[in-house]
């Protein structure tokens, strides 16, 4: 079974950040090697629209089969607000 990892905007942006790029690029290498699947949400998609262009385009370099998409639900919003 392939490991699923939920990622947020800080992971995507960390790919280009000098302080975090080594670890983040290693994580993306695991994605390229089909060792993991990134779980992404509608929140990530919304936040990426405000990010620099290189950050916006990063996930598009990978196959859609590398991702599992989860919708934001009412329950999820309530949990986040607590």
Protein backbone atom coordinates (compact mmCIF):
# COMPACT_ATOMS: atom_id res chain seq x y z
CA UNK A 1 0.00 0.00 0.00
CA UNK A 2 1.34 3.42 -0.97
CA UNK A 3 1.66 5.97 1.83
CA UNK A 4 -0.62 8.97 1.52
CA UNK A 5 0.64 12.32 2.82
CA UNK A 6 -1.56 15.38 3.21
CA UNK A 7 0.31 18.47 2.04
CA UNK A 8 -0.50 22.12 2.49
CA UNK A 9 0.83 25.27 0.88
CA UNK A 10 3.91 25.38 3.11
CA UNK A 11 5.13 22.09 1.61
CA UNK A 12 4.72 23.34 -1.95
CA UNK A 13 6.36 26.68 -1.14
CA UNK A 14 9.08 24.92 0.85
CA UNK A 15 10.35 23.37 -2.37
CA UNK A 16 11.75 26.80 -3.28
CA UNK A 17 12.79 27.95 0.20
CA UNK A 18 16.50 27.68 1.01
CA UNK A 19 15.79 26.57 4.58
CA UNK A 20 13.44 23.75 3.59
CA UNK A 21 14.25 22.82 0.00
CA UNK A 22 16.49 19.82 0.73
CA UNK A 23 13.87 18.01 2.79
CA UNK A 24 11.00 19.10 0.58
CA UNK A 25 12.75 18.03 -2.62
CA UNK A 26 13.44 14.65 -1.02
CA UNK A 27 9.70 14.33 -0.36
CA UNK A 28 8.91 15.23 -3.97
CA UNK A 29 11.49 12.67 -5.12
CA UNK A 30 9.51 10.02 -3.26
CA UNK A 31 6.43 11.25 -5.13
CA UNK A 32 8.28 10.91 -8.45
CA UNK A 33 9.30 7.37 -7.50
CA UNK A 34 5.66 6.45 -6.77
CA UNK A 35 6.51 5.74 -3.13
CA UNK A 36 3.87 8.17 -1.86
CA UNK A 37 0.71 9.96 -2.95
CA UNK A 38 0.06 13.56 -2.01
CA UNK A 39 -3.40 14.24 -0.62
CA UNK A 40 -4.45 17.76 -1.60
CA UNK A 41 -7.51 19.82 -0.83
CA UNK A 42 -9.54 22.66 -2.26
CA UNK A 43 -7.92 24.90 0.37
CA UNK A 44 -4.49 24.18 -1.13
CA UNK A 45 -5.77 24.96 -4.62
CA UNK A 46 -7.22 28.29 -3.42
CA UNK A 47 -4.05 29.26 -1.56
CA UNK A 48 -1.82 28.41 -4.52
CA UNK A 49 -3.69 30.97 -6.63
CA UNK A 50 -2.11 33.69 -4.45
CA UNK A 51 1.39 32.14 -4.51
CA UNK A 52 4.30 33.06 -6.79
CA UNK A 53 4.06 31.55 -10.27
CA UNK A 54 6.81 28.96 -9.70
CA UNK A 55 4.95 27.68 -6.63
CA UNK A 56 1.64 27.63 -8.53
CA UNK A 57 3.12 25.51 -11.32
CA UNK A 58 5.04 22.95 -9.23
CA UNK A 59 2.27 20.39 -8.73
CA UNK A 60 1.35 20.57 -12.41
CA UNK A 61 4.68 18.93 -13.23
CA UNK A 62 3.45 15.65 -11.78
CA UNK A 63 0.91 13.14 -13.01
CA UNK A 64 -2.63 13.47 -11.66
CA UNK A 65 -2.26 9.88 -10.42
CA UNK A 66 0.28 11.25 -7.90
CA UNK A 67 -2.52 13.04 -6.06
CA UNK A 68 -5.66 12.27 -4.16
CA UNK A 69 -8.08 15.17 -3.94
CA UNK A 70 -10.29 15.76 -0.90
CA UNK A 71 -13.13 18.26 -0.81
CA UNK A 72 -13.52 20.64 2.08
CA UNK A 73 -16.62 19.68 4.03
CA UNK A 74 -18.77 21.49 6.56
CA UNK A 75 -17.40 19.16 9.24
CA UNK A 76 -13.85 19.97 8.20
CA UNK A 77 -14.50 23.70 8.47
CA UNK A 78 -16.04 23.24 11.92
CA UNK A 79 -13.06 21.19 13.06
CA UNK A 80 -10.61 23.79 11.76
CA UNK A 81 -12.49 26.54 13.60
CA UNK A 82 -12.20 24.70 16.92
